[in-house]
Amino acid sequence: MLKLSSKIRASKENVKLIRTQGYIPAVLYGPATENLPLSVDAKEFKKLYDASGESTLISLDAGGKSHIVLIHDAQYDPLSGDILHVDFYQPRLDEEINITVPVEFDGEAPAVKDLGGTLIKHIQEIEVRALPQDLPHEIRVDVAKLATFEDRILVQDLPRPQGVTFLREPEEIVASVATVENVEEELAKPIEEGVEKVELVAKEVKKEEKEEAVAAPEQPSKEAPKKA
């Protein structure tokens, strides 16, 4: 099991100062765990996060006590890409939870290699249900079965680890191969600007710039994983 050390911090500690010292403000919480403000080494966390994602249990040391947790959320600065805050969620190990995991594509589709088509990834992540210790890091799918433009890989075709339930319709398309003409037609359609999203990012940046000795959030920044 991957391990990470943390430091317990005061809830009113200056989070900007914490970041300048090479640490990331964090919070530990769970159904049987009181919210505990923490800080973690930024370099160590990034290394672990790349390996674990958000569906792998890790051992988090906080004040000399080990907690089995999931990385439930990592907030990023929209401009620099730096991690601003992390949520660690300590689940009950005897209760199934719902969580989203990435779908990774392996191999090469014959319809791409031999027919000159373009691989279309309709689903790149999927919500699953399982006990915390059974959660997959990712779901891998081999696209070698896509030999023609009519072939499809469906949710029901995905390899399902033991103890895991997919929370998508079995007949939903995961991957297919389209002709170049069809792809070009899609790309030629007018693209609407995500005005609301742009405005939201701008507000977040402005808020971060104005932040003056503000304590890290006492409450988790993201809703806890749903119980089955």
C-alpha atoms as a PDB file:
ATOM      1  CA  MET A   1       0.000   0.000   0.000  1.00  0.00           C
ATOM      2  CA  LEU A   2       1.229   3.470  -0.887  1.00  0.00           C
ATOM      3  CA  LYS A   3       2.108   5.660   2.080  1.00  0.00           C
ATOM      4  CA  LEU A   4       2.127   9.412   2.693  1.00  0.00           C
ATOM      5  CA  SER A   5       3.100  11.475   5.723  1.00  0.00           C
ATOM      6  CA  SER A   6       1.283  14.630   6.800  1.00  0.00           C
ATOM      7  CA  LYS A   7       1.468  17.302   9.462  1.00  0.00           C
ATOM      8  CA  ILE A   8      -1.455  18.381  11.616  1.00  0.00           C
ATOM      9  CA  ARG A   9      -1.949  22.129  11.296  1.00  0.00           C
ATOM     10  CA  ALA A  10      -4.008  24.816  12.992  1.00  0.00           C
ATOM     11  CA  SER A  11      -7.309  25.494  11.231  1.00  0.00           C
ATOM     12  CA  LYS A  12      -6.518  29.230  11.084  1.00  0.00           C
ATOM     13  CA  GLU A  13      -2.999  28.809   9.737  1.00  0.00           C
ATOM     14  CA  ASN A  14      -2.146  30.967   6.715  1.00  0.00           C
ATOM     15  CA  VAL A  15      -2.608  28.673   3.713  1.00  0.00           C
ATOM     16  CA  LYS A  16      -0.623  30.933   1.385  1.00  0.00           C
ATOM     17  CA  LEU A  17       2.346  30.662   3.722  1.00  0.00           C
ATOM     18  CA  ILE A  18       1.956  26.873   3.823  1.00  0.00           C
ATOM     19  CA  ARG A  19       2.192  26.746   0.022  1.00  0.00           C
ATOM     20  CA  THR A  20       5.281  28.963  -0.132  1.00  0.00           C
ATOM     21  CA  GLN A  21       6.988  26.477   2.208  1.00  0.00           C
ATOM     22  CA  GLY A  22       6.450  23.629  -0.261  1.00  0.00           C
ATOM     23  CA  TYR A  23       3.372  22.108   1.364  1.00  0.00           C
ATOM     24  CA  ILE A  24      -0.257  21.700   0.330  1.00  0.00           C
ATOM     25  CA  PRO A  25      -3.125  22.418   2.758  1.00  0.00           C
ATOM     26  CA  ALA A  26      -5.358  19.376   3.197  1.00  0.00           C
ATOM     27  CA  VAL A  27      -8.220  18.017   5.256  1.00  0.00           C
ATOM     28  CA  LEU A  28      -8.949  14.479   6.488  1.00  0.00           C
ATOM     29  CA  TYR A  29     -12.568  13.451   7.007  1.00  0.00           C
ATOM     30  CA  GLY A  30     -14.909  10.478   6.850  1.00  0.00           C
ATOM     31  CA  PRO A  31     -18.120   8.959   8.225  1.00  0.00           C
ATOM     32  CA  ALA A  32     -16.374   8.069  11.501  1.00  0.00           C
ATOM     33  CA  THR A  33     -13.608  10.686  11.372  1.00  0.00           C
ATOM     34  CA  GLU A  34     -13.762  14.275  12.559  1.00  0.00           C
ATOM     35  CA  ASN A  35     -12.436  16.862  10.124  1.00  0.00           C
ATOM     36  CA  LEU A  36      -8.694  17.226  10.688  1.00  0.00           C
ATOM     37  CA  PRO A  37      -6.716  20.057   8.994  1.00  0.00           C
ATOM     38  CA  LEU A  38      -3.392  18.803   7.586  1.00  0.00           C
ATOM     39  CA  SER A  39      -0.564  19.765   5.274  1.00  0.00           C
ATOM     40  CA  VAL A  40       1.406  17.449   2.978  1.00  0.00           C
ATOM     41  CA  ASP A  41       4.698  17.839   1.144  1.00  0.00           C
ATOM     42  CA  ALA A  42       3.838  19.029  -2.377  1.00  0.00           C
ATOM     43  CA  LYS A  43       6.463  16.957  -4.215  1.00  0.00           C
ATOM     44  CA  GLU A  44       5.681  13.773  -2.294  1.00  0.00           C
ATOM     45  CA  PHE A  45       1.955  14.208  -2.816  1.00  0.00           C
ATOM     46  CA  LYS A  46       2.231  14.786  -6.571  1.00  0.00           C
ATOM     47  CA  LYS A  47       4.370  11.659  -6.926  1.00  0.00           C
ATOM     48  CA  LEU A  48       1.869   9.580  -4.953  1.00  0.00           C
ATOM     49  CA  TYR A  49      -1.168  11.105  -6.699  1.00  0.00           C
ATOM     50  CA  ASP A  50       0.238  10.189 -10.125  1.00  0.00           C
ATOM     51  CA  ALA A  51       0.540   6.579  -8.958  1.00  0.00           C
ATOM     52  CA  SER A  52      -2.712   6.243  -7.014  1.00  0.00           C
ATOM     53  CA  GLY A  53      -5.323   8.468  -8.604  1.00  0.00           C
ATOM     54  CA  GLU A  54      -8.544   8.801  -6.620  1.00  0.00           C
ATOM     55  CA  SER A  55      -9.572   5.147  -6.400  1.00  0.00           C
ATOM     56  CA  THR A  56      -6.572   3.554  -4.677  1.00  0.00           C
ATOM     57  CA  LEU A  57      -6.378   3.225  -0.899  1.00  0.00           C
ATOM     58  CA  ILE A  58      -3.309   4.800   0.679  1.00  0.00           C
ATOM     59  CA  SER A  59      -1.931   4.858   4.211  1.00  0.00           C
ATOM     60  CA  LEU A  60      -1.873   8.435   5.502  1.00  0.00           C
ATOM     61  CA  ASP A  61       0.142   9.171   8.631  1.00  0.00           C
ATOM     62  CA  ALA A  62      -1.316  12.046  10.650  1.00  0.00           C
ATOM     63  CA  GLY A  63       0.111  12.799  14.070  1.00  0.00           C
ATOM     64  CA  GLY A  64       1.655   9.344  14.356  1.00  0.00           C
ATOM     65  CA  LYS A  65      -1.621   7.571  13.547  1.00  0.00           C
ATOM     66  CA  SER A  66      -2.203   5.696  10.303  1.00  0.00           C
ATOM     67  CA  HIS A  67      -5.429   6.317   8.363  1.00  0.00           C
ATOM     68  CA  ILE A  68      -6.553   4.252   5.359  1.00  0.00           C
ATOM     69  CA  VAL A  69      -7.853   6.873   2.939  1.00  0.00           C
ATOM     70  CA  LEU A  70      -8.719   7.786  -0.626  1.00  0.00           C
ATOM     71  CA  ILE A  71      -7.596  11.003  -2.288  1.00  0.00           C
ATOM     72  CA  HIS A  72     -11.075  12.350  -2.823  1.00  0.00           C
ATOM     73  CA  ASP A  73     -10.344  15.697  -4.430  1.00  0.00           C
ATOM     74  CA  ALA A  74      -7.439  17.914  -5.454  1.00  0.00           C
ATOM     75  CA  GLN A  75      -8.100  21.573  -6.240  1.00  0.00           C
ATOM     76  CA  TYR A  76      -5.866  23.192  -8.861  1.00  0.00           C
ATOM     77  CA  ASP A  77      -4.913  26.788  -9.575  1.00  0.00           C
ATOM     78  CA  PRO A  78      -6.526  27.446 -13.005  1.00  0.00           C
ATOM     79  CA  LEU A  79      -3.503  29.454 -14.181  1.00  0.00           C
ATOM     80  CA  SER A  80      -0.399  27.811 -12.731  1.00  0.00           C
ATOM     81  CA  GLY A  81      -1.761  24.273 -12.447  1.00  0.00           C
ATOM     82  CA  ASP A  82      -0.413  24.010  -8.899  1.00  0.00           C
ATOM     83  CA  ILE A  83      -2.410  21.968  -6.396  1.00  0.00           C
ATOM     84  CA  LEU A  84      -4.054  24.319  -3.887  1.00  0.00           C
ATOM     85  CA  HIS A  85      -5.867  21.927  -1.551  1.00  0.00           C
ATOM     86  CA  VAL A  86      -6.447  18.195  -1.061  1.00  0.00           C
ATOM     87  CA  ASP A  87      -9.298  16.208   0.493  1.00  0.00           C
ATOM     88  CA  PHE A  88      -8.477  12.838   2.085  1.00  0.00           C
ATOM     89  CA  TYR A  89     -11.536  10.653   2.674  1.00  0.00           C
ATOM     90  CA  GLN A  90     -11.422   7.805   5.205  1.00  0.00           C
ATOM     91  CA  PRO A  91     -14.162   5.340   4.177  1.00  0.00           C
ATOM     92  CA  ARG A  92     -15.689   2.463   6.082  1.00  0.00           C
ATOM     93  CA  LEU A  93     -14.019  -0.633   4.671  1.00  0.00           C
ATOM     94  CA  ASP A  94     -17.161  -2.743   5.108  1.00  0.00           C
ATOM     95  CA  GLU A  95     -19.421  -0.507   2.983  1.00  0.00           C
ATOM     96  CA  GLU A  96     -19.505  -0.235  -0.805  1.00  0.00           C
ATOM     97  CA  ILE A  97     -19.062   3.228  -2.276  1.00  0.00           C
ATOM     98  CA  ASN A  98     -19.521   4.770  -5.716  1.00  0.00           C
ATOM     99  CA  ILE A  99     -16.506   6.351  -7.369  1.00  0.00           C
ATOM    100  CA  THR A 100     -15.396   7.363 -10.862  1.00  0.00           C
ATOM    101  CA  VAL A 101     -12.332   5.709 -12.421  1.00  0.00           C
ATOM    102  CA  PRO A 102     -10.580   6.365 -15.762  1.00  0.00           C
ATOM    103  CA  VAL A 103     -10.982   4.133 -18.809  1.00  0.00           C
ATOM    104  CA  GLU A 104      -7.643   3.465 -20.543  1.00  0.00           C
ATOM    105  CA  PHE A 105      -7.407   2.202 -24.125  1.00  0.00           C
ATOM    106  CA  ASP A 106      -4.797  -0.375 -25.193  1.00  0.00           C
ATOM    107  CA  GLY A 107      -3.675  -1.642 -28.573  1.00  0.00           C
ATOM    108  CA  GLU A 108      -4.536  -0.436 -32.063  1.00  0.00           C
ATOM    109  CA  ALA A 109      -7.859  -0.837 -33.825  1.00  0.00           C
ATOM    110  CA  PRO A 110      -7.610  -2.575 -37.236  1.00  0.00           C
ATOM    111  CA  ALA A 111     -10.189  -0.097 -38.549  1.00  0.00           C
ATOM    112  CA  VAL A 112      -7.700   2.662 -37.749  1.00  0.00           C
ATOM    113  CA  LYS A 113      -4.575   0.870 -38.974  1.00  0.00           C
ATOM    114  CA  ASP A 114      -5.994  -0.735 -42.125  1.00  0.00           C
ATOM    115  CA  LEU A 115      -8.960   1.478 -43.047  1.00  0.00           C
ATOM    116  CA  GLY A 116      -7.601   4.869 -42.052  1.00  0.00           C
ATOM    117  CA  GLY A 117     -10.328   5.591 -39.521  1.00  0.00           C
ATOM    118  CA  THR A 118     -10.177   7.612 -36.312  1.00  0.00           C
ATOM    119  CA  LEU A 119     -10.683   6.067 -32.882  1.00  0.00           C
ATOM    120  CA  ILE A 120     -13.572   7.714 -31.041  1.00  0.00           C
ATOM    121  CA  LYS A 121     -13.496   7.396 -27.248  1.00  0.00           C
ATOM    122  CA  HIS A 122     -17.107   7.900 -26.187  1.00  0.00           C
ATOM    123  CA  ILE A 123     -16.406   7.156 -22.517  1.00  0.00           C
ATOM    124  CA  GLN A 124     -13.106   8.030 -20.860  1.00  0.00           C
ATOM    125  CA  GLU A 125     -14.200   7.448 -17.273  1.00  0.00           C
ATOM    126  CA  ILE A 126     -16.832   5.301 -15.623  1.00  0.00           C
ATOM    127  CA  GLU A 127     -18.583   5.292 -12.271  1.00  0.00           C
ATOM    128  CA  VAL A 128     -18.239   2.027 -10.371  1.00  0.00           C
ATOM    129  CA  ARG A 129     -19.460   0.564  -7.090  1.00  0.00           C
ATOM    130  CA  ALA A 130     -17.303  -1.616  -4.842  1.00  0.00           C
ATOM    131  CA  LEU A 131     -15.842  -2.020  -1.392  1.00  0.00           C
ATOM    132  CA  PRO A 132     -12.975   0.479  -0.948  1.00  0.00           C
ATOM    133  CA  GLN A 133     -10.353  -2.281  -1.035  1.00  0.00           C
ATOM    134  CA  ASP A 134     -11.794  -3.646  -4.311  1.00  0.00           C
ATOM    135  CA  LEU A 135     -11.865  -0.347  -6.210  1.00  0.00           C
ATOM    136  CA  PRO A 136      -9.895  -0.560  -9.484  1.00  0.00           C
ATOM    137  CA  HIS A 137      -7.228   2.019 -10.275  1.00  0.00           C
ATOM    138  CA  GLU A 138      -8.506   2.080 -13.857  1.00  0.00           C
ATOM    139  CA  ILE A 139     -10.449   0.020 -16.392  1.00  0.00           C
ATOM    140  CA  ARG A 140      -8.365  -1.048 -19.398  1.00  0.00           C
ATOM    141  CA  VAL A 141      -9.955  -1.951 -22.725  1.00  0.00           C
ATOM    142  CA  ASP A 142      -8.327  -3.493 -25.809  1.00  0.00           C
ATOM    143  CA  VAL A 143      -9.503  -1.802 -29.018  1.00  0.00           C
ATOM    144  CA  ALA A 144      -8.246  -4.652 -31.246  1.00  0.00           C
ATOM    145  CA  LYS A 145     -11.841  -5.850 -31.772  1.00  0.00           C
ATOM    146  CA  LEU A 146     -12.675  -2.692 -33.733  1.00  0.00           C
ATOM    147  CA  ALA A 147     -12.043  -4.153 -37.189  1.00  0.00           C
ATOM    148  CA  THR A 148     -14.718  -2.228 -39.119  1.00  0.00           C
ATOM    149  CA  PHE A 149     -16.575   1.078 -38.905  1.00  0.00           C
ATOM    150  CA  GLU A 150     -19.625  -0.830 -37.666  1.00  0.00           C
ATOM    151  CA  ASP A 151     -17.884  -2.435 -34.682  1.00  0.00           C
ATOM    152  CA  ARG A 152     -18.484  -1.074 -31.197  1.00  0.00           C
ATOM    153  CA  ILE A 153     -17.102  -1.681 -27.722  1.00  0.00           C
ATOM    154  CA  LEU A 154     -19.902  -1.445 -25.170  1.00  0.00           C
ATOM    155  CA  VAL A 155     -19.916  -1.096 -21.405  1.00  0.00           C
ATOM    156  CA  GLN A 156     -20.892  -4.765 -21.168  1.00  0.00           C
ATOM    157  CA  ASP A 157     -17.669  -5.643 -23.049  1.00  0.00           C
ATOM    158  CA  LEU A 158     -15.388  -4.011 -20.478  1.00  0.00           C
ATOM    159  CA  PRO A 159     -13.340  -6.292 -18.208  1.00  0.00           C
ATOM    160  CA  ARG A 160     -15.024  -6.145 -14.812  1.00  0.00           C
ATOM    161  CA  PRO A 161     -12.842  -6.797 -11.739  1.00  0.00           C
ATOM    162  CA  GLN A 162     -14.271  -9.081  -9.070  1.00  0.00           C
ATOM    163  CA  GLY A 163     -16.549  -7.260  -6.661  1.00  0.00           C
ATOM    164  CA  VAL A 164     -17.015  -4.273  -8.983  1.00  0.00           C
ATOM    165  CA  THR A 165     -20.300  -3.076 -10.508  1.00  0.00           C
ATOM    166  CA  PHE A 166     -20.393  -0.667 -13.464  1.00  0.00           C
ATOM    167  CA  LEU A 167     -22.946   2.118 -12.988  1.00  0.00           C
ATOM    168  CA  ARG A 168     -23.564   2.727 -16.699  1.00  0.00           C
ATOM    169  CA  GLU A 169     -26.023   1.169 -19.122  1.00  0.00           C
ATOM    170  CA  PRO A 170     -24.610  -2.125 -20.531  1.00  0.00           C
ATOM    171  CA  GLU A 171     -25.428  -1.088 -24.114  1.00  0.00           C
ATOM    172  CA  GLU A 172     -23.703   2.294 -23.858  1.00  0.00           C
ATOM    173  CA  ILE A 173     -20.906   2.737 -26.412  1.00  0.00           C
ATOM    174  CA  VAL A 174     -17.388   3.025 -25.021  1.00  0.00           C
ATOM    175  CA  ALA A 175     -15.386   3.177 -28.258  1.00  0.00           C
ATOM    176  CA  SER A 176     -15.851   3.031 -32.017  1.00  0.00           C
ATOM    177  CA  VAL A 177     -14.002   4.003 -35.192  1.00  0.00           C
ATOM    178  CA  ALA A 178     -15.285   6.732 -37.511  1.00  0.00           C
ATOM    179  CA  THR A 179     -14.348   7.580 -41.070  1.00  0.00           C
ATOM    180  CA  VAL A 180     -12.224  10.659 -41.604  1.00  0.00           C
ATOM    181  CA  GLU A 181     -15.159  12.295 -43.402  1.00  0.00           C
ATOM    182  CA  ASN A 182     -17.435  11.895 -40.370  1.00  0.00           C
ATOM    183  CA  VAL A 183     -14.800  13.318 -38.034  1.00  0.00           C
ATOM    184  CA  GLU A 184     -14.244  16.327 -40.304  1.00  0.00           C
ATOM    185  CA  GLU A 185     -17.989  16.987 -40.385  1.00  0.00           C
ATOM    186  CA  GLU A 186     -18.109  17.041 -36.599  1.00  0.00           C
ATOM    187  CA  LEU A 187     -15.116  19.378 -36.397  1.00  0.00           C
ATOM    188  CA  ALA A 188     -16.719  21.736 -38.914  1.00  0.00           C
ATOM    189  CA  LYS A 189     -19.744  22.343 -36.697  1.00  0.00           C
ATOM    190  CA  PRO A 190     -19.825  25.725 -34.875  1.00  0.00           C
ATOM    191  CA  ILE A 191     -18.206  25.569 -31.460  1.00  0.00           C
ATOM    192  CA  GLU A 192     -20.042  27.439 -28.723  1.00  0.00           C
ATOM    193  CA  GLU A 193     -17.849  29.251 -26.248  1.00  0.00           C
ATOM    194  CA  GLY A 194     -18.272  28.056 -22.674  1.00  0.00           C
ATOM    195  CA  VAL A 195     -18.863  31.615 -21.433  1.00  0.00           C
ATOM    196  CA  GLU A 196     -20.137  30.601 -18.031  1.00  0.00           C
ATOM    197  CA  LYS A 197     -17.160  28.310 -17.467  1.00  0.00           C
ATOM    198  CA  VAL A 198     -14.690  31.017 -18.495  1.00  0.00           C
ATOM    199  CA  GLU A 199     -16.344  33.508 -16.162  1.00  0.00           C
ATOM    200  CA  LEU A 200     -16.215  31.008 -13.314  1.00  0.00           C
ATOM    201  CA  VAL A 201     -12.485  30.402 -13.802  1.00  0.00           C
ATOM    202  CA  ALA A 202     -11.852  34.142 -13.925  1.00  0.00           C
ATOM    203  CA  LYS A 203     -13.699  34.631 -10.646  1.00  0.00           C
ATOM    204  CA  GLU A 204     -11.679  31.840  -9.014  1.00  0.00           C
ATOM    205  CA  VAL A 205      -8.414  33.429 -10.139  1.00  0.00           C
ATOM    206  CA  LYS A 206      -9.505  36.835  -8.857  1.00  0.00           C
ATOM    207  CA  LYS A 207     -10.515  35.340  -5.529  1.00  0.00           C
ATOM    208  CA  GLU A 208      -7.153  33.583  -5.184  1.00  0.00           C
ATOM    209  CA  GLU A 209      -5.272  36.798  -5.946  1.00  0.00           C
ATOM    210  CA  LYS A 210      -7.182  38.633  -3.213  1.00  0.00           C
ATOM    211  CA  GLU A 211      -6.691  35.896  -0.644  1.00  0.00           C
ATOM    212  CA  GLU A 212      -5.036  37.348   2.454  1.00  0.00           C
ATOM    213  CA  ALA A 213      -4.117  34.981   5.250  1.00  0.00           C
ATOM    214  CA  VAL A 214      -7.281  32.946   4.784  1.00  0.00           C
ATOM    215  CA  ALA A 215      -7.483  29.590   6.554  1.00  0.00           C
ATOM    216  CA  ALA A 216      -7.952  26.440   4.486  1.00  0.00           C
ATOM    217  CA  PRO A 217     -11.533  25.225   4.303  1.00  0.00           C
ATOM    218  CA  GLU A 218     -12.633  23.318   7.387  1.00  0.00           C
ATOM    219  CA  GLN A 219     -15.179  21.430   5.305  1.00  0.00           C
ATOM    220  CA  PRO A 220     -14.269  19.115   2.405  1.00  0.00           C
ATOM    221  CA  SER A 221     -14.342  20.830  -0.976  1.00  0.00           C
ATOM    222  CA  LYS A 222     -16.125  17.911  -2.623  1.00  0.00           C
ATOM    223  CA  GLU A 223     -19.102  15.798  -1.611  1.00  0.00           C
ATOM    224  CA  ALA A 224     -18.126  12.491  -0.024  1.00  0.00           C
ATOM    225  CA  PRO A 225     -18.360   9.314  -2.148  1.00  0.00           C
ATOM    226  CA  LYS A 226     -21.885   7.941  -2.195  1.00  0.00           C
ATOM    227  CA  LYS A 227     -22.597   4.764  -0.273  1.00  0.00           C
ATOM    228  CA  ALA A 228     -24.145   1.932  -2.211  1.00  0.00           C
END
